[in-house]
Structures are given as C-alpha cells and as structure tokens.
C-alpha cells in the first residue's frame, strides 16, 4: 500500500476509509481489499491509518462504471497508483474537467481512449 504525497492528496480531495467504501458498496472489508489487489480501486495510506480510497470512485452503491478498465489501461501504460490518481483527478480542458468526472458522467470510453494514447 502506497503512502500518498501531499499534492496528490489535495488533488483528490475527499477520501473515505476502506471500511466506509465497503459499506457503501454493500460488501465486506475483505472483498474491498480484494478490489484493491485486483486494481479495481486504488487505495492509499493517509496519516498512517487504514487504507483510503477517493470518494469519487463510488457512486450509487457501486464502483464507477468504466473505472476498473481505465485503471487497467493506465497500469498497462506504466502508471503506478499515485500517477494514476494524479491523471484521473487532473483537469483536462479537452474533456472538459478531470477524467474521473468524465467517467462519473458516463464518458468512460472516451477516457479509456485517452489513457490508451498515453502508452504511445
């Protein structure tokens, strides 16, 4: 589990403990940990406590549709978890907004295409 830097921490904004993420998803903490291991979610250590995930990754009781696939594409492009968080939460004027906002708005295919282009 990575320790997060201050800049990325502020970029993400709202974080929730993994136990709260599990509650919102209606799953056990063990299953939530498996989502982290499978890179369906990204969790980091903040202030030395339990892993935390960006609150924006969970919407209406589910992981954002398209997020796991985008995380896989970013990993395939050589991004680590912190770099992936930075990319997802950095505003891109051509979207407009941050990629995570576009994913939440249902434009995950467009975001994945952009992520794939990063590998080249």
Protein backbone atom coordinates (compact mmCIF):
# COMPACT_ATOMS: atom_id res chain seq x y z
CA UNK A 1 0.00 0.00 0.00
CA UNK A 2 1.46 3.31 -1.04
CA UNK A 3 1.85 6.37 1.13
CA UNK A 4 0.43 9.37 -0.70
CA UNK A 5 2.15 12.69 -1.24
CA UNK A 6 0.52 15.94 -0.19
CA UNK A 7 -0.05 17.27 -3.72
CA UNK A 8 -1.94 14.16 -4.86
CA UNK A 9 -3.83 14.05 -1.56
CA UNK A 10 -5.11 17.59 -2.16
CA UNK A 11 -5.83 16.92 -5.83
CA UNK A 12 -8.15 14.03 -4.94
CA UNK A 13 -9.91 15.97 -2.20
CA UNK A 14 -12.43 13.71 -0.46
CA UNK A 15 -11.21 10.35 0.79
CA UNK A 16 -13.10 7.61 2.61
CA UNK A 17 -11.69 4.77 4.72
CA UNK A 18 -11.79 1.36 3.09
CA UNK A 19 -14.32 0.19 5.69
CA UNK A 20 -16.67 3.02 4.62
CA UNK A 21 -16.09 2.20 0.95
CA UNK A 22 -17.05 -1.41 1.69
CA UNK A 23 -20.20 -0.24 3.49
CA UNK A 24 -21.19 1.99 0.55
CA UNK A 25 -20.59 -0.87 -1.86
CA UNK A 26 -22.50 -3.34 0.30
CA UNK A 27 -19.54 -5.71 0.55
CA UNK A 28 -17.19 -6.95 3.26
CA UNK A 29 -13.91 -5.22 4.01
CA UNK A 30 -12.20 -8.40 2.80
CA UNK A 31 -13.89 -8.07 -0.58
CA UNK A 32 -12.97 -4.37 -0.70
CA UNK A 33 -9.32 -5.34 -0.08
CA UNK A 34 -9.61 -7.76 -3.00
CA UNK A 35 -10.82 -4.87 -5.22
CA UNK A 36 -7.60 -3.05 -4.26
CA UNK A 37 -5.45 -6.11 -5.03
CA UNK A 38 -7.23 -6.53 -8.38
CA UNK A 39 -6.73 -2.81 -9.16
CA UNK A 40 -10.46 -2.25 -9.50
CA UNK A 41 -9.98 0.52 -6.91
CA UNK A 42 -6.93 2.42 -5.71
CA UNK A 43 -6.30 2.72 -2.00
CA UNK A 44 -3.53 4.61 -0.26
CA UNK A 45 -2.35 5.21 3.28
CA UNK A 46 -3.02 8.65 4.65
CA UNK A 47 -1.91 9.61 8.14
CA UNK A 48 -0.81 6.01 8.80
CA UNK A 49 -4.34 4.69 9.31
CA UNK A 50 -6.43 2.25 7.35
CA UNK A 51 -6.28 2.41 3.55
CA UNK A 52 -8.47 5.09 2.00
CA UNK A 53 -9.99 5.42 -1.45
CA UNK A 54 -11.20 8.51 -3.29
CA UNK A 55 -14.88 9.06 -2.51
CA UNK A 56 -15.41 9.91 -6.20
CA UNK A 57 -14.71 6.28 -7.14
CA UNK A 58 -18.03 5.14 -5.63
CA UNK A 59 -21.38 6.30 -6.93
CA UNK A 60 -24.85 4.97 -6.19
CA UNK A 61 -23.51 1.99 -4.26
CA UNK A 62 -21.13 0.79 -6.96
CA UNK A 63 -17.64 1.38 -8.30
CA UNK A 64 -17.83 3.92 -11.13
CA UNK A 65 -18.63 2.14 -14.37
CA UNK A 66 -15.51 2.19 -16.50
CA UNK A 67 -13.10 2.93 -13.65
CA UNK A 68 -11.62 -0.60 -13.33
CA UNK A 69 -10.95 -0.75 -17.07
CA UNK A 70 -9.36 2.69 -17.03
CA UNK A 71 -7.14 1.69 -14.10
CA UNK A 72 -6.01 -1.38 -16.07
CA UNK A 73 -5.21 0.72 -19.14
CA UNK A 74 -3.21 3.18 -17.01
CA UNK A 75 -1.29 0.30 -15.39
CA UNK A 76 -0.57 -1.14 -18.83
CA UNK A 77 0.76 2.30 -19.85
CA UNK A 78 3.24 2.09 -16.96
CA UNK A 79 1.43 4.31 -14.46
CA UNK A 80 1.72 3.41 -10.79
CA UNK A 81 -1.20 4.01 -8.43
CA UNK A 82 -0.16 7.55 -7.49
CA UNK A 83 0.42 8.54 -11.12
CA UNK A 84 -2.98 7.06 -11.98
CA UNK A 85 -4.65 9.13 -9.25
CA UNK A 86 -2.93 12.28 -10.48
CA UNK A 87 -4.02 11.64 -14.05
CA UNK A 88 -7.60 10.83 -13.07
CA UNK A 89 -8.02 13.94 -10.90
CA UNK A 90 -6.11 16.50 -13.01
CA UNK A 91 -8.36 18.78 -15.03
CA UNK A 92 -8.11 18.25 -18.79
CA UNK A 93 -9.62 21.18 -20.68
CA UNK A 94 -10.32 18.99 -23.70
CA UNK A 95 -12.74 16.77 -21.73
CA UNK A 96 -13.67 19.30 -20.03
CA UNK A 97 -12.94 18.57 -16.39
CA UNK A 98 -10.95 15.78 -14.79
CA UNK A 99 -11.06 12.27 -16.27
CA UNK A 100 -12.75 10.94 -13.09
CA UNK A 101 -15.57 13.46 -13.63
CA UNK A 102 -15.98 12.29 -17.23
CA UNK A 103 -16.12 8.67 -16.05
CA UNK A 104 -18.79 9.61 -13.48
CA UNK A 105 -20.74 11.33 -16.26
CA UNK A 106 -20.75 8.10 -18.32
CA UNK A 107 -17.98 9.06 -20.75
CA UNK A 108 -15.64 6.25 -19.67
CA UNK A 109 -14.97 5.05 -23.23
CA UNK A 110 -13.58 8.46 -24.16
CA UNK A 111 -11.41 8.49 -21.02
CA UNK A 112 -10.10 4.98 -21.73
CA UNK A 113 -9.15 6.04 -25.27
CA UNK A 114 -7.14 8.93 -23.84
CA UNK A 115 -5.48 6.61 -21.33
CA UNK A 116 -4.55 4.18 -24.12
CA UNK A 117 -2.90 7.02 -26.03
CA UNK A 118 -0.60 7.60 -23.04
CA UNK A 119 1.14 4.30 -23.75
CA UNK A 120 2.45 5.55 -27.09
